[in-house]
Amino acid sequence: MKNCLLCGVGGQGTVLASRIIAAAAMAGGCRARTAETIGMAQRGGCVVSHVRIGETPDEKVTSPLIPIGKADVIIGFEPGETARNLPYLKEGGTVIVCRREILPVTASLGQSGYNGADALEYIRNNIENCHIVDGEDICRACGSPKVLNVALTGAMAATGAMGLTVEDVEKALAMRMKPQLLEMNKKALIMGAEVIGE
């Protein structure tokens, strides 16, 4: 079984990314389950999505929730949320994290000191298989802030840690995206995958 945990804040496309990953696995004949734990997502609250994929068509996926210490991959849409969810990562697992921080409400009101750079440094120092994605650059190049989720999914596919290829994800995009958005998202997918080769 392969496990991927996605974490971020409301509005970043975390849930859609989890469904694209599951669709890519199911298109390849494998079973997949997803689940979300959504806080006050509409107000910038945390969002965590679980994706569990059978490695063969016959492998059953009984529970949608990933146990602590069992995630093969964590896709972090925000550094602080990524650091907070590191206990889910298995030993030797892979972390893909977006560089851009999003201040929590408490920090924007001056009630706490949050620095995304500190969270990134912590992740980099504690996780051997860590890939940092400059999501803002990719979104700017693609012409939309809404492609971050696809870019991070592309990076995940390029690591091979979930047993999915970039081509698998591209096929899932073609099934789930409106035709007028497909080319832009395919570009984000490729750009995200290219980060892993750098």
C-alpha atoms as a PDB file:
ATOM      1  CA  MET A   1       0.000   0.000   0.000  1.00  0.00           C
ATOM      2  CA  LYS A   2       1.177   3.513  -0.851  1.00  0.00           C
ATOM      3  CA  ASN A   3       0.147   6.467   1.303  1.00  0.00           C
ATOM      4  CA  CYS A   4       0.199  10.178   0.487  1.00  0.00           C
ATOM      5  CA  LEU A   5      -0.789  12.904   2.914  1.00  0.00           C
ATOM      6  CA  LEU A   6      -1.517  16.389   1.550  1.00  0.00           C
ATOM      7  CA  CYS A   7      -1.681  19.365   3.891  1.00  0.00           C
ATOM      8  CA  GLY A   8      -2.285  23.059   3.467  1.00  0.00           C
ATOM      9  CA  VAL A   9      -4.879  25.712   4.161  1.00  0.00           C
ATOM     10  CA  GLY A  10      -8.303  26.317   2.718  1.00  0.00           C
ATOM     11  CA  GLY A  11      -8.413  27.474  -0.880  1.00  0.00           C
ATOM     12  CA  GLN A  12      -5.105  25.988  -2.033  1.00  0.00           C
ATOM     13  CA  GLY A  13      -6.615  23.025  -3.872  1.00  0.00           C
ATOM     14  CA  THR A  14      -5.506  20.309  -1.487  1.00  0.00           C
ATOM     15  CA  VAL A  15      -8.681  18.252  -1.867  1.00  0.00           C
ATOM     16  CA  LEU A  16      -8.646  18.454  -5.683  1.00  0.00           C
ATOM     17  CA  ALA A  17      -5.007  17.309  -5.718  1.00  0.00           C
ATOM     18  CA  SER A  18      -5.893  14.271  -3.615  1.00  0.00           C
ATOM     19  CA  ARG A  19      -8.678  13.362  -6.011  1.00  0.00           C
ATOM     20  CA  ILE A  20      -6.387  13.711  -9.023  1.00  0.00           C
ATOM     21  CA  ILE A  21      -3.871  11.347  -7.398  1.00  0.00           C
ATOM     22  CA  ALA A  22      -6.597   8.822  -6.615  1.00  0.00           C
ATOM     23  CA  ALA A  23      -8.007   9.105 -10.155  1.00  0.00           C
ATOM     24  CA  ALA A  24      -4.548   8.486 -11.622  1.00  0.00           C
ATOM     25  CA  ALA A  25      -4.195   5.322  -9.525  1.00  0.00           C
ATOM     26  CA  MET A  26      -7.668   4.034 -10.385  1.00  0.00           C
ATOM     27  CA  ALA A  27      -7.125   4.678 -14.084  1.00  0.00           C
ATOM     28  CA  GLY A  28      -4.155   2.323 -13.787  1.00  0.00           C
ATOM     29  CA  GLY A  29      -6.383  -0.382 -12.312  1.00  0.00           C
ATOM     30  CA  CYS A  30      -5.467   0.060  -8.638  1.00  0.00           C
ATOM     31  CA  ARG A  31      -7.849   0.694  -5.771  1.00  0.00           C
ATOM     32  CA  ALA A  32      -7.702   4.011  -3.940  1.00  0.00           C
ATOM     33  CA  ARG A  33      -9.401   5.707  -1.026  1.00  0.00           C
ATOM     34  CA  THR A  34      -9.352   9.335   0.040  1.00  0.00           C
ATOM     35  CA  ALA A  35     -10.487  11.248   3.111  1.00  0.00           C
ATOM     36  CA  GLU A  36     -10.239  14.839   4.223  1.00  0.00           C
ATOM     37  CA  THR A  37     -10.079  16.496   7.597  1.00  0.00           C
ATOM     38  CA  ILE A  38     -11.123  20.067   6.997  1.00  0.00           C
ATOM     39  CA  GLY A  39     -11.012  22.668   9.755  1.00  0.00           C
ATOM     40  CA  MET A  40     -12.206  26.185   9.135  1.00  0.00           C
ATOM     41  CA  ALA A  41     -11.005  25.935   5.556  1.00  0.00           C
ATOM     42  CA  GLN A  42     -13.063  28.867   4.304  1.00  0.00           C
ATOM     43  CA  ARG A  43     -11.201  31.072   6.767  1.00  0.00           C
ATOM     44  CA  GLY A  44      -7.696  29.875   5.989  1.00  0.00           C
ATOM     45  CA  GLY A  45      -7.870  26.930   8.364  1.00  0.00           C
ATOM     46  CA  CYS A  46      -5.921  23.710   7.946  1.00  0.00           C
ATOM     47  CA  VAL A  47      -6.877  21.079   5.402  1.00  0.00           C
ATOM     48  CA  VAL A  48      -5.418  17.570   5.452  1.00  0.00           C
ATOM     49  CA  SER A  49      -6.200  14.998   2.756  1.00  0.00           C
ATOM     50  CA  HIS A  50      -5.298  11.310   2.916  1.00  0.00           C
ATOM     51  CA  VAL A  51      -4.786   9.171  -0.201  1.00  0.00           C
ATOM     52  CA  ARG A  52      -4.192   5.430   0.085  1.00  0.00           C
ATOM     53  CA  ILE A  53      -3.483   3.340  -3.004  1.00  0.00           C
ATOM     54  CA  GLY A  54      -3.206  -0.416  -3.414  1.00  0.00           C
ATOM     55  CA  GLU A  55       0.012  -1.366  -5.173  1.00  0.00           C
ATOM     56  CA  THR A  56      -1.748  -4.070  -7.202  1.00  0.00           C
ATOM     57  CA  PRO A  57      -5.295  -4.244  -8.566  1.00  0.00           C
ATOM     58  CA  ASP A  58      -6.087  -6.980  -6.005  1.00  0.00           C
ATOM     59  CA  GLU A  59      -4.795  -5.155  -2.922  1.00  0.00           C
ATOM     60  CA  LYS A  60      -7.707  -3.915  -0.842  1.00  0.00           C
ATOM     61  CA  VAL A  61      -7.613  -0.483   0.765  1.00  0.00           C
ATOM     62  CA  THR A  62      -9.751  -0.884   3.860  1.00  0.00           C
ATOM     63  CA  SER A  63      -9.288   2.433   5.646  1.00  0.00           C
ATOM     64  CA  PRO A  64      -8.950   5.878   4.064  1.00  0.00           C
ATOM     65  CA  LEU A  65      -6.944   7.360   6.952  1.00  0.00           C
ATOM     66  CA  ILE A  66      -3.158   7.098   7.060  1.00  0.00           C
ATOM     67  CA  PRO A  67      -1.747   6.020  10.439  1.00  0.00           C
ATOM     68  CA  ILE A  68       1.006   8.041  12.089  1.00  0.00           C
ATOM     69  CA  GLY A  69       4.404   7.102  10.655  1.00  0.00           C
ATOM     70  CA  LYS A  70       3.035   5.438   7.512  1.00  0.00           C
ATOM     71  CA  ALA A  71       2.947   8.152   4.812  1.00  0.00           C
ATOM     72  CA  ASP A  72       5.291   7.467   1.897  1.00  0.00           C
ATOM     73  CA  VAL A  73       4.902  11.084   0.788  1.00  0.00           C
ATOM     74  CA  ILE A  74       3.770  14.327   2.364  1.00  0.00           C
ATOM     75  CA  ILE A  75       2.796  17.059  -0.095  1.00  0.00           C
ATOM     76  CA  GLY A  76       2.900  20.317   1.842  1.00  0.00           C
ATOM     77  CA  PHE A  77       1.176  23.336   0.356  1.00  0.00           C
ATOM     78  CA  GLU A  78       2.462  25.535   3.200  1.00  0.00           C
ATOM     79  CA  PRO A  79       5.649  25.152   5.314  1.00  0.00           C
ATOM     80  CA  GLY A  80       4.069  25.423   8.772  1.00  0.00           C
ATOM     81  CA  GLU A  81       1.332  22.941   7.952  1.00  0.00           C
ATOM     82  CA  THR A  82       3.954  20.593   6.504  1.00  0.00           C
ATOM     83  CA  ALA A  83       6.083  20.739   9.657  1.00  0.00           C
ATOM     84  CA  ARG A  84       2.990  20.126  11.797  1.00  0.00           C
ATOM     85  CA  ASN A  85       2.156  16.940   9.861  1.00  0.00           C
ATOM     86  CA  LEU A  86       5.655  15.412   9.772  1.00  0.00           C
ATOM     87  CA  PRO A  87       4.726  12.742  12.372  1.00  0.00           C
ATOM     88  CA  TYR A  88       2.718  11.039   9.598  1.00  0.00           C
ATOM     89  CA  LEU A  89       5.844  10.494   7.467  1.00  0.00           C
ATOM     90  CA  LYS A  90       7.414   7.052   7.523  1.00  0.00           C
ATOM     91  CA  GLU A  91      11.144   6.630   8.014  1.00  0.00           C
ATOM     92  CA  GLY A  92      12.842   7.385   4.700  1.00  0.00           C
ATOM     93  CA  GLY A  93       9.683   8.999   3.304  1.00  0.00           C
ATOM     94  CA  THR A  94       9.583  11.939   0.904  1.00  0.00           C
ATOM     95  CA  VAL A  95       8.420  15.502   1.549  1.00  0.00           C
ATOM     96  CA  ILE A  96       7.461  17.934  -1.190  1.00  0.00           C
ATOM     97  CA  VAL A  97       6.811  21.402   0.207  1.00  0.00           C
ATOM     98  CA  CYS A  98       5.878  24.748  -1.302  1.00  0.00           C
ATOM     99  CA  ARG A  99       8.192  27.564  -0.287  1.00  0.00           C
ATOM    100  CA  ARG A 100       5.482  30.218   0.182  1.00  0.00           C
ATOM    101  CA  GLU A 101       4.157  30.761   3.684  1.00  0.00           C
ATOM    102  CA  ILE A 102       0.587  31.716   4.492  1.00  0.00           C
ATOM    103  CA  LEU A 103       0.256  33.525   7.778  1.00  0.00           C
ATOM    104  CA  PRO A 104      -2.279  32.022  10.172  1.00  0.00           C
ATOM    105  CA  VAL A 105      -4.890  34.379  11.565  1.00  0.00           C
ATOM    106  CA  THR A 106      -3.134  34.576  14.938  1.00  0.00           C
ATOM    107  CA  ALA A 107       0.093  35.747  13.286  1.00  0.00           C
ATOM    108  CA  SER A 108      -1.657  38.322  11.101  1.00  0.00           C
ATOM    109  CA  LEU A 109      -3.263  39.741  14.269  1.00  0.00           C
ATOM    110  CA  GLY A 110       0.140  39.948  15.927  1.00  0.00           C
ATOM    111  CA  GLN A 111      -0.609  37.262  18.497  1.00  0.00           C
ATOM    112  CA  SER A 112       2.116  34.848  17.409  1.00  0.00           C
ATOM    113  CA  GLY A 113       5.387  34.977  15.539  1.00  0.00           C
ATOM    114  CA  TYR A 114       5.262  32.633  12.560  1.00  0.00           C
ATOM    115  CA  ASN A 115       8.073  32.476  10.051  1.00  0.00           C
ATOM    116  CA  GLY A 116       7.728  30.090   7.116  1.00  0.00           C
ATOM    117  CA  ALA A 117      11.487  30.200   6.488  1.00  0.00           C
ATOM    118  CA  ASP A 118      12.083  28.710   9.946  1.00  0.00           C
ATOM    119  CA  ALA A 119       9.600  25.913   9.200  1.00  0.00           C
ATOM    120  CA  LEU A 120      11.339  25.189   5.881  1.00  0.00           C
ATOM    121  CA  GLU A 121      14.717  25.087   7.595  1.00  0.00           C
ATOM    122  CA  TYR A 122      13.375  22.646  10.178  1.00  0.00           C
ATOM    123  CA  ILE A 123      11.965  20.380   7.455  1.00  0.00           C
ATOM    124  CA  ARG A 124      15.167  20.555   5.392  1.00  0.00           C
ATOM    125  CA  ASN A 125      17.318  19.706   8.430  1.00  0.00           C
ATOM    126  CA  ASN A 126      15.178  16.770   9.563  1.00  0.00           C
ATOM    127  CA  ILE A 127      14.008  15.123   6.332  1.00  0.00           C
ATOM    128  CA  GLU A 128      16.579  13.616   4.001  1.00  0.00           C
ATOM    129  CA  ASN A 129      14.217  13.288   1.011  1.00  0.00           C
ATOM    130  CA  CYS A 130      12.958  16.865   0.957  1.00  0.00           C
ATOM    131  CA  HIS A 131      12.076  18.807  -2.203  1.00  0.00           C
ATOM    132  CA  ILE A 132      11.211  22.502  -1.985  1.00  0.00           C
ATOM    133  CA  VAL A 133       9.033  23.866  -4.786  1.00  0.00           C
ATOM    134  CA  ASP A 134       8.826  27.560  -5.639  1.00  0.00           C
ATOM    135  CA  GLY A 135       5.115  27.516  -6.286  1.00  0.00           C
ATOM    136  CA  GLU A 136       4.883  31.256  -6.913  1.00  0.00           C
ATOM    137  CA  ASP A 137       7.302  31.047  -9.839  1.00  0.00           C
ATOM    138  CA  ILE A 138       5.374  28.170 -11.403  1.00  0.00           C
ATOM    139  CA  CYS A 139       2.004  29.880 -10.922  1.00  0.00           C
ATOM    140  CA  ARG A 140       3.364  33.070 -12.454  1.00  0.00           C
ATOM    141  CA  ALA A 141       4.765  31.192 -15.457  1.00  0.00           C
ATOM    142  CA  CYS A 142       1.441  29.404 -15.981  1.00  0.00           C
ATOM    143  CA  GLY A 143      -0.634  32.541 -15.539  1.00  0.00           C
ATOM    144  CA  SER A 144      -2.768  31.413 -12.588  1.00  0.00           C
ATOM    145  CA  PRO A 145      -2.366  30.943  -8.816  1.00  0.00           C
ATOM    146  CA  LYS A 146      -4.745  27.986  -9.046  1.00  0.00           C
ATOM    147  CA  VAL A 147      -2.211  25.561 -10.557  1.00  0.00           C
ATOM    148  CA  LEU A 148      -0.130  25.122  -7.398  1.00  0.00           C
ATOM    149  CA  ASN A 149      -1.867  21.851  -6.549  1.00  0.00           C
ATOM    150  CA  VAL A 150      -1.074  20.380  -9.966  1.00  0.00           C
ATOM    151  CA  ALA A 151       2.555  21.539  -9.784  1.00  0.00           C
ATOM    152  CA  LEU A 152       3.040  19.842  -6.421  1.00  0.00           C
ATOM    153  CA  THR A 153       1.332  16.713  -7.748  1.00  0.00           C
ATOM    154  CA  GLY A 154       3.774  16.734 -10.663  1.00  0.00           C
ATOM    155  CA  ALA A 155       6.689  16.884  -8.246  1.00  0.00           C
ATOM    156  CA  MET A 156       5.235  13.944  -6.313  1.00  0.00           C
ATOM    157  CA  ALA A 157       4.883  11.883  -9.496  1.00  0.00           C
ATOM    158  CA  ALA A 158       8.453  12.651 -10.541  1.00  0.00           C
ATOM    159  CA  THR A 159       9.838  11.202  -7.302  1.00  0.00           C
ATOM    160  CA  GLY A 160       8.255   7.816  -8.061  1.00  0.00           C
ATOM    161  CA  ALA A 161       7.452   7.425  -4.361  1.00  0.00           C
ATOM    162  CA  MET A 162       3.753   6.700  -4.964  1.00  0.00           C
ATOM    163  CA  GLY A 163       4.235   4.407  -7.956  1.00  0.00           C
ATOM    164  CA  LEU A 164       2.603   6.952 -10.279  1.00  0.00           C
ATOM    165  CA  THR A 165       4.213   8.633 -13.274  1.00  0.00           C
ATOM    166  CA  VAL A 166       3.768  12.131 -14.622  1.00  0.00           C
ATOM    167  CA  GLU A 167       1.944  10.533 -17.568  1.00  0.00           C
ATOM    168  CA  ASP A 168      -0.489   8.827 -15.177  1.00  0.00           C
ATOM    169  CA  VAL A 169      -1.314  12.175 -13.572  1.00  0.00           C
ATOM    170  CA  GLU A 170      -1.626  13.867 -16.962  1.00  0.00           C
ATOM    171  CA  LYS A 171      -4.273  11.326 -17.978  1.00  0.00           C
ATOM    172  CA  ALA A 172      -6.168  11.980 -14.744  1.00  0.00           C
ATOM    173  CA  LEU A 173      -6.034  15.715 -15.440  1.00  0.00           C
ATOM    174  CA  ALA A 174      -7.543  15.166 -18.867  1.00  0.00           C
ATOM    175  CA  MET A 175     -10.458  13.338 -17.220  1.00  0.00           C
ATOM    176  CA  ARG A 176     -11.081  15.918 -14.479  1.00  0.00           C
ATOM    177  CA  MET A 177     -10.225  19.328 -15.969  1.00  0.00           C
ATOM    178  CA  LYS A 178     -12.295  21.570 -18.179  1.00  0.00           C
ATOM    179  CA  PRO A 179     -10.742  21.585 -21.675  1.00  0.00           C
ATOM    180  CA  GLN A 180      -9.937  25.307 -21.516  1.00  0.00           C
ATOM    181  CA  LEU A 181      -7.860  24.768 -18.348  1.00  0.00           C
ATOM    182  CA  LEU A 182      -6.055  21.620 -19.421  1.00  0.00           C
ATOM    183  CA  GLU A 183      -2.998  23.068 -21.199  1.00  0.00           C
ATOM    184  CA  MET A 184      -2.239  25.483 -18.365  1.00  0.00           C
ATOM    185  CA  ASN A 185      -2.431  22.653 -15.844  1.00  0.00           C
ATOM    186  CA  LYS A 186      -0.310  20.332 -17.972  1.00  0.00           C
ATOM    187  CA  LYS A 187       2.354  23.038 -18.037  1.00  0.00           C
ATOM    188  CA  ALA A 188       2.214  23.297 -14.227  1.00  0.00           C
ATOM    189  CA  LEU A 189       2.454  19.507 -13.956  1.00  0.00           C
ATOM    190  CA  ILE A 190       5.622  19.406 -16.072  1.00  0.00           C
ATOM    191  CA  MET A 191       7.187  22.377 -14.264  1.00  0.00           C
ATOM    192  CA  GLY A 192       6.532  20.741 -10.904  1.00  0.00           C
ATOM    193  CA  ALA A 193       8.063  17.481 -12.105  1.00  0.00           C
ATOM    194  CA  GLU A 194      11.154  19.312 -13.388  1.00  0.00           C
ATOM    195  CA  VAL A 195      11.901  20.572  -9.858  1.00  0.00           C
ATOM    196  CA  ILE A 196      12.773  16.994  -8.834  1.00  0.00           C
ATOM    197  CA  GLY A 197      15.403  16.704 -11.551  1.00  0.00           C
ATOM    198  CA  GLU A 198      17.170  19.939 -10.594  1.00  0.00           C
END
